[in-house]
N, C-alpha and C. Protein backbone atom coordinates (compact mmCIF):
# COMPACT_ATOMS: atom_id res chain seq x y z
N MET A 1 58.92 149.78 58.77
CA MET A 1 60.01 148.97 59.32
C MET A 1 59.62 148.59 60.75
N THR A 2 59.85 147.33 61.05
CA THR A 2 59.46 146.82 62.37
C THR A 2 60.72 146.53 63.18
N PHE A 3 60.71 146.99 64.40
CA PHE A 3 61.82 146.73 65.30
C PHE A 3 61.37 145.74 66.39
N TRP A 4 62.23 144.76 66.64
CA TRP A 4 61.95 143.78 67.70
C TRP A 4 62.84 144.06 68.90
N LYS A 5 62.19 144.10 70.02
CA LYS A 5 62.95 144.35 71.24
C LYS A 5 63.69 143.06 71.66
N LYS A 6 64.97 143.19 71.85
CA LYS A 6 65.77 142.02 72.23
C LYS A 6 65.45 141.61 73.65
N GLN A 7 65.03 140.34 73.77
CA GLN A 7 64.68 139.83 75.09
C GLN A 7 65.96 139.47 75.86
N PRO A 8 66.03 139.82 77.11
CA PRO A 8 67.21 139.44 77.90
C PRO A 8 67.29 137.91 78.05
N GLN A 9 68.50 137.39 77.92
CA GLN A 9 68.68 135.96 78.05
C GLN A 9 68.60 135.55 79.52
N ALA A 10 67.92 134.44 79.70
CA ALA A 10 67.80 133.93 81.07
C ALA A 10 69.16 133.42 81.55
N ALA A 11 69.45 133.66 82.80
CA ALA A 11 70.72 133.20 83.36
C ALA A 11 70.77 131.67 83.35
N LYS A 12 71.94 131.15 82.99
CA LYS A 12 72.10 129.70 82.95
C LYS A 12 72.06 129.14 84.38
N ALA A 13 71.32 128.05 84.50
CA ALA A 13 71.23 127.42 85.81
C ALA A 13 72.55 126.76 86.18
N GLU A 14 72.93 126.92 87.42
CA GLU A 14 74.16 126.29 87.90
C GLU A 14 73.98 124.78 87.93
N PRO A 15 74.99 124.03 87.48
CA PRO A 15 74.87 122.56 87.55
C PRO A 15 74.78 122.12 89.00
N PRO A 16 74.01 121.07 89.25
CA PRO A 16 73.87 120.61 90.64
C PRO A 16 75.22 120.15 91.19
N ALA A 17 75.44 120.43 92.44
CA ALA A 17 76.69 120.01 93.08
C ALA A 17 76.72 118.49 93.16
N PRO A 18 77.89 117.90 92.90
CA PRO A 18 77.97 116.43 92.99
C PRO A 18 77.65 115.94 94.39
N GLN A 19 76.90 114.87 94.42
CA GLN A 19 76.49 114.32 95.71
C GLN A 19 77.68 113.63 96.37
N ARG A 20 77.97 114.03 97.58
CA ARG A 20 79.09 113.44 98.31
C ARG A 20 78.67 112.11 98.89
N PRO A 21 79.51 111.07 98.75
CA PRO A 21 79.16 109.78 99.32
C PRO A 21 79.16 109.83 100.84
N GLU A 22 78.38 108.96 101.41
CA GLU A 22 78.36 108.87 102.87
C GLU A 22 79.76 108.49 103.37
N PRO A 23 80.24 109.13 104.44
CA PRO A 23 81.54 108.74 104.98
C PRO A 23 81.50 107.32 105.51
N LEU A 24 82.65 106.66 105.49
CA LEU A 24 82.74 105.29 105.99
C LEU A 24 82.99 105.32 107.50
N ALA A 25 82.23 104.52 108.23
CA ALA A 25 82.41 104.40 109.67
C ALA A 25 82.81 102.98 110.00
N LEU A 26 83.81 102.83 110.87
CA LEU A 26 84.24 101.51 111.32
C LEU A 26 83.30 101.04 112.42
N ILE A 27 82.63 99.89 112.19
CA ILE A 27 81.61 99.45 113.15
C ILE A 27 81.94 98.11 113.82
N ALA A 28 82.95 97.37 113.33
CA ALA A 28 83.29 96.11 113.97
C ALA A 28 84.65 95.64 113.49
N THR A 29 85.32 94.85 114.33
CA THR A 29 86.61 94.29 113.98
C THR A 29 86.67 92.83 114.45
N GLY A 30 87.60 92.09 113.87
CA GLY A 30 87.84 90.72 114.31
C GLY A 30 89.27 90.34 113.96
N VAL A 31 89.96 89.70 114.89
CA VAL A 31 91.35 89.32 114.64
C VAL A 31 91.59 87.90 115.12
N CYS A 32 92.65 87.31 114.59
CA CYS A 32 93.15 86.03 115.09
C CYS A 32 94.67 86.13 115.03
N THR A 33 95.30 86.26 116.18
CA THR A 33 96.74 86.45 116.25
C THR A 33 97.31 85.57 117.37
N LEU A 34 98.63 85.51 117.44
CA LEU A 34 99.25 84.73 118.52
C LEU A 34 98.97 85.35 119.89
N ALA A 35 98.54 86.63 119.89
CA ALA A 35 98.18 87.30 121.15
C ALA A 35 96.72 87.08 121.51
N GLY A 36 95.98 86.35 120.67
CA GLY A 36 94.59 86.07 120.97
C GLY A 36 93.64 86.63 119.93
N THR A 37 92.36 86.64 120.28
CA THR A 37 91.32 87.12 119.36
C THR A 37 90.54 88.29 119.94
N GLY A 38 91.01 88.85 121.04
CA GLY A 38 90.33 90.00 121.65
C GLY A 38 90.44 91.24 120.79
N ASP A 39 89.59 92.23 121.12
CA ASP A 39 89.54 93.46 120.33
C ASP A 39 90.89 94.14 120.21
N TYR A 40 91.71 94.09 121.26
CA TYR A 40 92.97 94.82 121.25
C TYR A 40 94.18 93.88 121.31
N ALA A 41 93.97 92.63 120.91
CA ALA A 41 95.05 91.64 120.99
C ALA A 41 96.23 92.04 120.12
N ALA A 42 95.97 92.35 118.86
CA ALA A 42 97.06 92.69 117.95
C ALA A 42 97.74 93.99 118.37
N GLN A 43 96.94 94.99 118.77
CA GLN A 43 97.50 96.27 119.19
C GLN A 43 98.39 96.09 120.42
N GLY A 44 97.93 95.27 121.37
CA GLY A 44 98.72 95.04 122.57
C GLY A 44 100.03 94.34 122.27
N ALA A 45 100.00 93.37 121.34
CA ALA A 45 101.22 92.65 120.99
C ALA A 45 102.24 93.58 120.36
N VAL A 46 101.77 94.51 119.54
CA VAL A 46 102.68 95.46 118.90
C VAL A 46 103.27 96.42 119.93
N GLN A 47 102.41 96.96 120.80
CA GLN A 47 102.89 97.94 121.77
C GLN A 47 103.87 97.32 122.76
N LEU A 48 103.63 96.05 123.11
CA LEU A 48 104.52 95.38 124.06
C LEU A 48 105.68 94.68 123.37
N GLN A 49 105.72 94.78 122.03
CA GLN A 49 106.79 94.17 121.23
C GLN A 49 106.88 92.66 121.49
N ILE A 50 105.72 92.03 121.54
CA ILE A 50 105.66 90.58 121.69
C ILE A 50 105.70 89.95 120.31
N ASN A 51 106.73 89.14 120.02
CA ASN A 51 106.76 88.49 118.71
C ASN A 51 106.45 87.00 118.79
N GLY A 52 106.41 86.44 120.00
CA GLY A 52 106.02 85.05 120.14
C GLY A 52 106.98 84.07 119.51
N GLY A 53 108.20 84.51 119.21
CA GLY A 53 109.15 83.64 118.51
C GLY A 53 109.62 82.47 119.36
N ARG A 54 109.69 81.31 118.72
CA ARG A 54 110.26 80.14 119.38
C ARG A 54 110.99 79.31 118.34
N ALA A 55 111.94 78.55 118.78
CA ALA A 55 112.77 77.77 117.87
C ALA A 55 111.93 76.72 117.14
N HIS A 56 112.07 76.69 115.81
CA HIS A 56 111.34 75.71 115.00
C HIS A 56 111.93 74.33 115.28
N PRO A 57 111.09 73.31 115.45
CA PRO A 57 111.62 71.99 115.80
C PRO A 57 112.38 71.29 114.67
N GLU A 58 112.22 71.76 113.43
CA GLU A 58 112.83 71.06 112.30
C GLU A 58 113.73 71.93 111.44
N LEU A 59 113.35 73.17 111.21
CA LEU A 59 114.06 74.01 110.25
C LEU A 59 115.29 74.66 110.91
N ARG A 60 116.43 74.50 110.24
CA ARG A 60 117.68 75.08 110.74
C ARG A 60 118.40 75.77 109.58
N THR A 61 119.24 76.73 109.92
CA THR A 61 120.02 77.44 108.91
C THR A 61 121.42 77.70 109.47
N PRO A 62 122.44 77.72 108.60
CA PRO A 62 123.80 77.98 109.10
C PRO A 62 123.97 79.42 109.57
N VAL A 63 124.65 79.58 110.72
CA VAL A 63 124.98 80.89 111.27
C VAL A 63 126.49 80.95 111.45
N ALA A 64 127.10 82.04 110.99
CA ALA A 64 128.56 82.17 111.05
C ALA A 64 129.08 81.92 112.45
N GLY A 65 130.01 80.98 112.57
CA GLY A 65 130.64 80.68 113.85
C GLY A 65 129.80 79.86 114.81
N GLN A 66 128.55 79.53 114.40
CA GLN A 66 127.67 78.79 115.33
C GLN A 66 127.10 77.51 114.72
N GLY A 67 127.47 77.22 113.49
CA GLY A 67 126.94 76.03 112.84
C GLY A 67 125.47 76.18 112.52
N LEU A 68 124.75 75.06 112.47
CA LEU A 68 123.32 75.09 112.17
C LEU A 68 122.53 75.50 113.41
N GLN A 69 121.67 76.50 113.22
CA GLN A 69 120.85 76.99 114.33
C GLN A 69 119.37 76.93 113.94
N PRO A 70 118.48 76.60 114.89
CA PRO A 70 117.04 76.61 114.58
C PRO A 70 116.58 78.03 114.22
N VAL A 71 115.69 78.12 113.25
CA VAL A 71 115.10 79.42 112.93
C VAL A 71 113.95 79.68 113.90
N MET A 72 113.66 80.96 114.13
CA MET A 72 112.58 81.35 115.03
C MET A 72 111.31 81.61 114.23
N THR A 73 110.20 81.03 114.66
CA THR A 73 108.91 81.30 114.04
C THR A 73 107.90 81.60 115.15
N ALA A 74 106.75 82.16 114.74
CA ALA A 74 105.74 82.57 115.72
C ALA A 74 104.36 82.07 115.30
N PRO A 75 104.09 80.78 115.48
CA PRO A 75 102.77 80.25 115.11
C PRO A 75 101.70 80.63 116.13
N VAL A 76 100.45 80.62 115.69
CA VAL A 76 99.33 80.81 116.61
C VAL A 76 99.19 79.53 117.43
N GLU A 77 99.24 79.67 118.74
CA GLU A 77 99.13 78.51 119.63
C GLU A 77 97.67 78.31 119.99
N ASP A 78 97.02 77.41 119.28
CA ASP A 78 95.61 77.14 119.53
C ASP A 78 95.34 75.70 119.12
N ALA A 79 94.47 75.03 119.88
CA ALA A 79 94.20 73.63 119.60
C ALA A 79 93.66 73.42 118.19
N ALA A 80 92.94 74.41 117.65
CA ALA A 80 92.37 74.28 116.32
C ALA A 80 93.43 74.17 115.24
N PHE A 81 94.65 74.64 115.54
CA PHE A 81 95.71 74.65 114.54
C PHE A 81 96.64 73.43 114.67
N ALA A 82 96.37 72.56 115.63
CA ALA A 82 97.29 71.45 115.90
C ALA A 82 97.47 70.54 114.68
N SER A 83 96.39 70.28 113.96
CA SER A 83 96.47 69.37 112.82
C SER A 83 96.61 70.09 111.48
N ALA A 84 96.61 71.42 111.50
CA ALA A 84 96.73 72.20 110.26
C ALA A 84 98.19 72.54 110.03
N THR A 85 98.82 71.84 109.12
CA THR A 85 100.24 72.06 108.85
C THR A 85 100.48 72.80 107.55
N ALA A 86 99.62 72.62 106.56
CA ALA A 86 99.80 73.28 105.27
C ALA A 86 99.43 74.77 105.40
N PRO A 87 100.15 75.65 104.68
CA PRO A 87 99.84 77.08 104.76
C PRO A 87 98.39 77.40 104.41
N ALA A 88 97.83 76.73 103.39
CA ALA A 88 96.45 77.00 102.99
C ALA A 88 95.48 76.66 104.12
N GLU A 89 95.71 75.55 104.81
CA GLU A 89 94.83 75.17 105.92
C GLU A 89 94.87 76.21 107.03
N ARG A 90 96.06 76.67 107.35
CA ARG A 90 96.21 77.62 108.44
C ARG A 90 95.59 78.97 108.06
N GLN A 91 95.74 79.39 106.81
CA GLN A 91 95.15 80.65 106.38
C GLN A 91 93.62 80.58 106.43
N LEU A 92 93.06 79.45 106.04
CA LEU A 92 91.61 79.29 106.10
C LEU A 92 91.11 79.35 107.53
N LEU A 93 91.83 78.71 108.44
CA LEU A 93 91.45 78.75 109.85
C LEU A 93 91.55 80.17 110.41
N LEU A 94 92.64 80.84 110.09
CA LEU A 94 92.82 82.22 110.55
C LEU A 94 91.68 83.11 110.07
N ALA A 95 91.36 83.00 108.78
CA ALA A 95 90.31 83.83 108.20
C ALA A 95 88.96 83.51 108.82
N ARG A 96 88.67 82.23 109.04
CA ARG A 96 87.37 81.85 109.62
C ARG A 96 87.22 82.39 111.03
N ILE A 97 88.27 82.31 111.82
CA ILE A 97 88.19 82.79 113.20
C ILE A 97 88.03 84.31 113.24
N ALA A 98 88.81 85.02 112.42
CA ALA A 98 88.73 86.50 112.41
C ALA A 98 87.36 86.97 111.94
N LEU A 99 86.84 86.36 110.87
CA LEU A 99 85.52 86.76 110.37
C LEU A 99 84.44 86.43 111.39
N GLY A 100 84.58 85.29 112.07
CA GLY A 100 83.60 84.94 113.09
C GLY A 100 83.56 85.94 114.23
N LYS A 101 84.74 86.39 114.68
CA LYS A 101 84.78 87.40 115.74
C LYS A 101 84.14 88.70 115.30
N LEU A 102 84.37 89.07 114.04
CA LEU A 102 83.75 90.30 113.53
C LEU A 102 82.23 90.18 113.50
N LEU A 103 81.73 89.07 112.98
CA LEU A 103 80.28 88.91 112.88
C LEU A 103 79.62 88.85 114.25
N GLU A 104 80.35 88.37 115.25
CA GLU A 104 79.81 88.34 116.62
C GLU A 104 79.61 89.74 117.18
N THR A 105 80.51 90.65 116.84
CA THR A 105 80.48 91.99 117.45
C THR A 105 79.82 93.04 116.57
N ARG A 106 79.57 92.72 115.31
CA ARG A 106 78.96 93.71 114.41
C ARG A 106 77.51 93.96 114.82
N PRO A 107 77.07 95.23 114.82
CA PRO A 107 75.67 95.52 115.14
C PRO A 107 74.74 94.82 114.15
N PRO A 108 73.53 94.45 114.58
CA PRO A 108 72.59 93.82 113.66
C PRO A 108 72.35 94.70 112.45
N GLU A 109 72.36 94.11 111.26
CA GLU A 109 72.17 94.89 110.05
C GLU A 109 70.75 94.73 109.53
N PRO A 110 70.17 95.81 108.99
CA PRO A 110 68.84 95.68 108.37
C PRO A 110 68.90 94.70 107.20
N THR A 111 67.76 94.08 106.92
CA THR A 111 67.73 93.05 105.88
C THR A 111 68.00 93.62 104.49
N ASP A 112 67.78 94.92 104.30
CA ASP A 112 67.96 95.50 102.96
C ASP A 112 69.34 96.12 102.74
N VAL A 113 70.26 95.95 103.71
CA VAL A 113 71.60 96.51 103.56
C VAL A 113 72.43 95.61 102.66
N ARG A 114 73.02 96.21 101.62
CA ARG A 114 73.86 95.45 100.70
C ARG A 114 75.30 95.44 101.24
N THR A 115 75.86 94.26 101.34
CA THR A 115 77.19 94.09 101.94
C THR A 115 78.14 93.44 100.93
N ARG A 116 79.37 93.95 100.94
CA ARG A 116 80.43 93.38 100.10
C ARG A 116 81.56 92.90 101.01
N VAL A 117 82.12 91.74 100.67
CA VAL A 117 83.28 91.21 101.38
C VAL A 117 84.46 91.22 100.40
N GLN A 118 85.54 91.88 100.80
CA GLN A 118 86.76 91.91 99.99
C GLN A 118 87.85 91.17 100.77
N VAL A 119 88.36 90.08 100.19
CA VAL A 119 89.31 89.22 100.88
C VAL A 119 90.71 89.46 100.31
N LEU A 120 91.66 89.71 101.20
CA LEU A 120 93.06 89.90 100.82
C LEU A 120 93.78 88.57 100.97
N LEU A 121 94.38 88.09 99.89
CA LEU A 121 95.10 86.83 99.91
C LEU A 121 96.54 87.06 99.45
N PRO A 122 97.46 86.14 99.80
CA PRO A 122 98.84 86.28 99.33
C PRO A 122 98.90 86.25 97.80
N PRO A 123 99.88 86.91 97.20
CA PRO A 123 100.02 86.89 95.74
C PRO A 123 100.14 85.46 95.22
N GLU A 124 99.55 85.22 94.06
CA GLU A 124 99.61 83.88 93.49
C GLU A 124 101.03 83.46 93.14
N ALA A 125 101.92 84.43 92.98
CA ALA A 125 103.31 84.10 92.66
C ALA A 125 104.04 83.48 93.84
N SER A 126 103.52 83.66 95.05
CA SER A 126 104.16 83.10 96.23
C SER A 126 103.75 81.64 96.40
N SER A 127 104.59 80.85 97.07
CA SER A 127 104.28 79.44 97.27
C SER A 127 103.01 79.25 98.09
N ARG A 128 102.83 80.05 99.13
CA ARG A 128 101.64 79.91 99.96
C ARG A 128 100.40 80.42 99.25
N GLY A 129 100.58 81.40 98.33
CA GLY A 129 99.45 81.91 97.57
C GLY A 129 98.94 80.92 96.54
N ARG A 130 99.86 80.16 95.94
CA ARG A 130 99.46 79.18 94.92
C ARG A 130 98.62 78.06 95.53
N GLN A 131 98.81 77.77 96.80
CA GLN A 131 98.10 76.67 97.43
C GLN A 131 96.69 77.06 97.88
N LEU A 132 96.39 78.35 97.86
CA LEU A 132 95.10 78.82 98.39
C LEU A 132 94.27 79.41 97.25
N THR A 133 93.16 78.76 96.92
CA THR A 133 92.31 79.24 95.83
C THR A 133 91.18 80.10 96.39
N GLN A 134 90.70 81.00 95.55
CA GLN A 134 89.59 81.85 95.94
C GLN A 134 88.34 81.01 96.21
N GLU A 135 88.16 79.96 95.42
CA GLU A 135 86.99 79.11 95.59
C GLU A 135 87.01 78.44 96.97
N ALA A 136 88.20 77.99 97.39
CA ALA A 136 88.30 77.33 98.70
C ALA A 136 87.99 78.30 99.83
N VAL A 137 88.44 79.53 99.69
CA VAL A 137 88.17 80.54 100.72
C VAL A 137 86.68 80.81 100.80
N TRP A 138 86.06 81.03 99.65
CA TRP A 138 84.62 81.33 99.62
C TRP A 138 83.82 80.17 100.20
N GLU A 139 84.12 78.95 99.77
CA GLU A 139 83.37 77.79 100.24
C GLU A 139 83.53 77.60 101.75
N THR A 140 84.75 77.76 102.26
CA THR A 140 85.00 77.58 103.70
C THR A 140 84.24 78.60 104.53
N LEU A 141 84.29 79.86 104.12
CA LEU A 141 83.67 80.92 104.92
C LEU A 141 82.15 80.91 104.81
N VAL A 142 81.62 80.62 103.64
CA VAL A 142 80.16 80.56 103.49
C VAL A 142 79.60 79.35 104.22
N GLU A 143 80.34 78.25 104.22
CA GLU A 143 79.88 77.08 104.97
C GLU A 143 79.85 77.38 106.47
N ALA A 144 80.85 78.13 106.94
CA ALA A 144 80.89 78.47 108.37
C ALA A 144 79.86 79.53 108.73
N PHE A 145 79.59 80.45 107.81
CA PHE A 145 78.67 81.56 108.07
C PHE A 145 77.69 81.68 106.89
N PRO A 146 76.64 80.86 106.85
CA PRO A 146 75.74 80.78 105.69
C PRO A 146 75.13 82.12 105.27
N ALA A 147 74.90 83.03 106.22
CA ALA A 147 74.28 84.31 105.86
C ALA A 147 75.14 85.11 104.88
N THR A 148 76.46 84.86 104.87
CA THR A 148 77.34 85.63 104.00
C THR A 148 77.23 85.20 102.54
N ALA A 149 76.48 84.14 102.26
CA ALA A 149 76.28 83.72 100.86
C ALA A 149 75.54 84.78 100.06
N ALA A 150 74.76 85.61 100.76
CA ALA A 150 74.00 86.66 100.08
C ALA A 150 74.86 87.89 99.79
N TYR A 151 76.08 87.94 100.30
CA TYR A 151 76.94 89.10 100.10
C TYR A 151 77.63 89.03 98.74
N ALA A 152 78.07 90.17 98.27
CA ALA A 152 78.93 90.21 97.08
C ALA A 152 80.37 89.98 97.55
N TRP A 153 81.10 89.12 96.85
CA TRP A 153 82.46 88.76 97.26
C TRP A 153 83.46 89.20 96.21
N GLY A 154 84.59 89.68 96.68
CA GLY A 154 85.70 90.05 95.79
C GLY A 154 87.00 89.62 96.43
N PHE A 155 88.04 89.50 95.61
CA PHE A 155 89.35 89.04 96.10
C PHE A 155 90.45 89.92 95.55
N THR A 156 91.42 90.21 96.40
CA THR A 156 92.59 91.00 96.02
C THR A 156 93.83 90.17 96.32
N ARG A 157 94.67 89.98 95.30
CA ARG A 157 95.89 89.20 95.49
C ARG A 157 97.05 90.05 95.01
N THR A 158 97.58 90.85 95.92
CA THR A 158 98.67 91.74 95.57
C THR A 158 99.47 92.06 96.82
N ALA A 159 100.74 92.39 96.62
CA ALA A 159 101.62 92.70 97.75
C ALA A 159 101.26 94.02 98.41
N THR A 160 100.47 94.87 97.74
CA THR A 160 100.12 96.17 98.33
C THR A 160 99.02 96.06 99.37
N GLY A 161 98.41 94.90 99.51
CA GLY A 161 97.52 94.62 100.62
C GLY A 161 96.27 95.46 100.71
N GLY A 162 95.99 95.96 101.92
CA GLY A 162 94.73 96.62 102.22
C GLY A 162 94.43 97.84 101.38
N VAL A 163 95.45 98.59 101.03
CA VAL A 163 95.22 99.80 100.21
C VAL A 163 94.62 99.40 98.86
N GLN A 164 95.20 98.39 98.22
CA GLN A 164 94.68 97.96 96.92
C GLN A 164 93.29 97.36 97.06
N ALA A 165 93.04 96.64 98.15
CA ALA A 165 91.71 96.05 98.37
C ALA A 165 90.65 97.13 98.46
N LEU A 166 90.95 98.23 99.17
CA LEU A 166 89.98 99.31 99.29
C LEU A 166 89.78 100.00 97.94
N ILE A 167 90.87 100.15 97.18
CA ILE A 167 90.76 100.72 95.83
C ILE A 167 89.86 99.86 94.96
N ASP A 168 90.02 98.53 95.07
CA ASP A 168 89.18 97.61 94.29
C ASP A 168 87.71 97.80 94.63
N CYS A 169 87.41 98.05 95.90
CA CYS A 169 86.02 98.20 96.32
C CYS A 169 85.41 99.52 95.86
N LEU A 170 86.27 100.50 95.60
CA LEU A 170 85.79 101.81 95.15
C LEU A 170 85.84 101.95 93.64
N ALA A 171 86.25 100.88 92.94
CA ALA A 171 86.28 100.89 91.48
C ALA A 171 84.85 100.97 90.95
N PRO A 172 84.65 101.54 89.74
CA PRO A 172 83.29 101.71 89.22
C PRO A 172 82.47 100.43 89.20
N GLU A 173 83.08 99.29 88.79
CA GLU A 173 82.30 98.06 88.71
C GLU A 173 81.83 97.60 90.09
N ALA A 174 82.65 97.85 91.13
CA ALA A 174 82.24 97.49 92.48
C ALA A 174 81.22 98.49 93.02
N GLU A 175 81.39 99.77 92.68
CA GLU A 175 80.46 100.79 93.15
C GLU A 175 79.06 100.58 92.59
N GLU A 176 78.98 99.94 91.40
CA GLU A 176 77.66 99.69 90.82
C GLU A 176 76.81 98.79 91.71
N GLU A 177 77.46 98.01 92.56
CA GLU A 177 76.71 97.17 93.50
C GLU A 177 75.99 98.03 94.54
N ASN A 178 76.45 99.29 94.69
CA ASN A 178 75.86 100.22 95.65
C ASN A 178 75.86 99.62 97.06
N TRP A 179 77.02 99.05 97.42
CA TRP A 179 77.11 98.44 98.74
C TRP A 179 77.06 99.50 99.83
N GLN A 180 76.50 99.12 100.97
CA GLN A 180 76.40 100.02 102.12
C GLN A 180 77.32 99.57 103.26
N GLN A 181 77.63 98.28 103.29
CA GLN A 181 78.59 97.79 104.28
C GLN A 181 79.70 97.04 103.55
N LEU A 182 80.91 97.22 104.05
CA LEU A 182 82.08 96.59 103.44
C LEU A 182 82.88 95.88 104.52
N ILE A 183 83.18 94.61 104.27
CA ILE A 183 84.03 93.84 105.18
C ILE A 183 85.35 93.57 104.46
N LEU A 184 86.43 94.08 105.03
CA LEU A 184 87.78 93.79 104.53
C LEU A 184 88.38 92.70 105.40
N LEU A 185 88.78 91.61 104.78
CA LEU A 185 89.31 90.45 105.51
C LEU A 185 90.63 90.03 104.90
N GLY A 186 91.66 89.92 105.72
CA GLY A 186 92.97 89.49 105.24
C GLY A 186 93.54 88.41 106.14
N ALA A 187 94.23 87.43 105.54
CA ALA A 187 94.86 86.36 106.30
C ALA A 187 96.14 85.94 105.60
N ASP A 188 97.16 85.63 106.38
CA ASP A 188 98.42 85.15 105.80
C ASP A 188 99.19 84.36 106.84
N SER A 189 99.95 83.40 106.38
CA SER A 189 100.80 82.59 107.24
C SER A 189 102.15 82.43 106.55
N LEU A 190 103.20 82.84 107.24
CA LEU A 190 104.56 82.79 106.67
C LEU A 190 105.35 81.59 107.21
N LEU A 191 104.65 80.58 107.70
CA LEU A 191 105.31 79.49 108.37
C LEU A 191 105.68 78.31 107.47
N ASP A 192 105.32 78.37 106.19
CA ASP A 192 105.66 77.25 105.32
C ASP A 192 107.17 77.22 105.09
N ALA A 193 107.69 76.04 104.82
CA ALA A 193 109.14 75.85 104.71
C ALA A 193 109.75 76.71 103.62
N ARG A 194 109.07 76.86 102.48
CA ARG A 194 109.62 77.65 101.38
C ARG A 194 109.85 79.11 101.79
N THR A 195 108.85 79.69 102.44
CA THR A 195 108.96 81.09 102.86
C THR A 195 110.04 81.26 103.92
N VAL A 196 110.05 80.37 104.90
CA VAL A 196 111.03 80.45 105.98
C VAL A 196 112.45 80.31 105.44
N LEU A 197 112.67 79.31 104.58
CA LEU A 197 114.01 79.08 104.06
C LEU A 197 114.46 80.20 103.12
N ALA A 198 113.49 80.80 102.40
CA ALA A 198 113.85 81.93 101.53
C ALA A 198 114.35 83.11 102.38
N LEU A 199 113.71 83.35 103.52
CA LEU A 199 114.18 84.41 104.42
C LEU A 199 115.54 84.06 105.01
N ALA A 200 115.74 82.77 105.31
CA ALA A 200 117.02 82.34 105.88
C ALA A 200 118.15 82.51 104.87
N GLN A 201 117.88 82.14 103.61
CA GLN A 201 118.91 82.26 102.58
C GLN A 201 119.27 83.71 102.31
N ALA A 202 118.32 84.61 102.55
CA ALA A 202 118.59 86.04 102.37
C ALA A 202 119.17 86.67 103.63
N ASN A 203 119.47 85.85 104.65
CA ASN A 203 120.02 86.33 105.92
C ASN A 203 119.11 87.36 106.59
N ARG A 204 117.80 87.13 106.48
CA ARG A 204 116.84 88.08 107.05
C ARG A 204 116.07 87.49 108.22
N ILE A 205 116.31 86.23 108.55
CA ILE A 205 115.49 85.58 109.56
C ILE A 205 116.22 85.52 110.90
N MET A 206 115.47 85.58 111.99
CA MET A 206 116.05 85.46 113.32
C MET A 206 116.27 83.98 113.64
N THR A 207 117.40 83.68 114.23
CA THR A 207 117.69 82.31 114.64
C THR A 207 117.90 82.27 116.15
N ALA A 208 118.00 81.04 116.67
CA ALA A 208 118.22 80.89 118.11
C ALA A 208 119.55 81.48 118.54
N GLY A 209 120.48 81.65 117.59
CA GLY A 209 121.79 82.20 117.95
C GLY A 209 121.98 83.64 117.56
N ALA A 210 120.92 84.33 117.15
CA ALA A 210 121.03 85.73 116.74
C ALA A 210 119.86 86.53 117.30
N GLY A 211 120.12 87.77 117.67
CA GLY A 211 119.09 88.59 118.28
C GLY A 211 118.36 89.50 117.33
N GLN A 212 118.68 89.44 116.03
CA GLN A 212 118.04 90.32 115.07
C GLN A 212 117.54 89.50 113.89
N GLY A 213 116.53 90.04 113.21
CA GLY A 213 115.99 89.38 112.04
C GLY A 213 114.48 89.29 112.11
N ILE A 214 113.90 88.77 111.03
CA ILE A 214 112.46 88.62 110.94
C ILE A 214 112.02 87.33 111.61
N VAL A 215 110.94 87.39 112.37
CA VAL A 215 110.33 86.20 112.95
C VAL A 215 109.04 85.92 112.17
N PRO A 216 109.04 84.96 111.25
CA PRO A 216 107.83 84.68 110.46
C PRO A 216 106.67 84.28 111.37
N GLY A 217 105.53 84.85 111.10
CA GLY A 217 104.34 84.56 111.90
C GLY A 217 103.13 84.37 111.03
N GLU A 218 101.96 84.56 111.63
CA GLU A 218 100.70 84.40 110.91
C GLU A 218 99.61 85.14 111.66
N ALA A 219 98.61 85.58 110.94
CA ALA A 219 97.51 86.31 111.57
C ALA A 219 96.41 86.56 110.54
N ALA A 220 95.27 86.96 111.04
CA ALA A 220 94.16 87.39 110.18
C ALA A 220 93.47 88.55 110.87
N GLY A 221 92.93 89.44 110.06
CA GLY A 221 92.21 90.58 110.60
C GLY A 221 91.04 90.94 109.71
N ALA A 222 89.98 91.43 110.29
CA ALA A 222 88.80 91.84 109.53
C ALA A 222 88.24 93.12 110.13
N VAL A 223 87.78 94.02 109.27
CA VAL A 223 87.11 95.24 109.71
C VAL A 223 85.82 95.40 108.91
N ALA A 224 84.80 95.92 109.55
CA ALA A 224 83.53 96.21 108.88
C ALA A 224 83.34 97.71 108.82
N LEU A 225 83.12 98.21 107.61
CA LEU A 225 82.87 99.63 107.38
C LEU A 225 81.46 99.80 106.85
N THR A 226 80.83 100.92 107.18
CA THR A 226 79.47 101.13 106.71
C THR A 226 79.29 102.55 106.20
N ARG A 227 78.39 102.69 105.25
CA ARG A 227 77.96 104.00 104.76
C ARG A 227 76.59 104.37 105.33
N THR A 228 76.04 103.55 106.17
CA THR A 228 74.70 103.78 106.70
C THR A 228 74.69 105.05 107.54
N PRO A 229 73.85 106.02 107.21
CA PRO A 229 73.81 107.27 108.00
C PRO A 229 73.48 106.99 109.46
N GLY A 230 74.18 107.68 110.35
CA GLY A 230 73.92 107.56 111.77
C GLY A 230 74.52 106.36 112.45
N ALA A 231 75.33 105.57 111.72
CA ALA A 231 75.95 104.40 112.34
C ALA A 231 76.91 104.83 113.42
N GLN A 232 76.94 104.07 114.52
CA GLN A 232 77.82 104.39 115.63
C GLN A 232 79.16 103.67 115.44
N PRO A 233 80.25 104.43 115.24
CA PRO A 233 81.55 103.78 115.05
C PRO A 233 82.06 103.15 116.34
N VAL A 234 82.94 102.16 116.19
CA VAL A 234 83.55 101.56 117.37
C VAL A 234 84.50 102.55 118.00
N ARG A 235 84.69 102.44 119.29
CA ARG A 235 85.58 103.35 120.03
C ARG A 235 86.88 102.65 120.33
């Protein structure tokens, strides 16, 4: 009779720890607001509670005991916007200026860095959103900044704004691009007559005869994030 010595089983190898993605660092910003296009323009306007409201020359709404009163709006006061009256035109201008400021201040990127641009636009269900197509945004911005034609572009059209845009960029199909830099760009203008009158009908808008309510405005903002190791974040 033959006896076989039982060999000790080798210990199972531990599965490799999942690789943690590089943290995102903020490396550049760009804004276009009624407070200007400087690095801290929007922050300063918020802290100083500057709303830039002024009486609209044409739009009026009834106010109890005061008759028809002009509604207050806060347009960007810039010569470039003088001839842009449609919401889509103003949003394109806002986006172009904000992206331009970002690209001016962003550190030079290596030629092999893959970049994605995610653009936040108003929901298509809104009147101002229906007038602005993704194709028009892409064509306008690439024409203004030809180098961005090599970037991957995506669009988010939802009321949840920046949070949803970042989620879209971290979705598996977007992650397959293996992007290293991400530009989030958002623009909106609430100055079109439909939006203003809808706020007035809901008694939510500020008028020349009332001290409370929403002052419809417009702005654009862009931030550049990077996964590049050792990148210096903005201060």
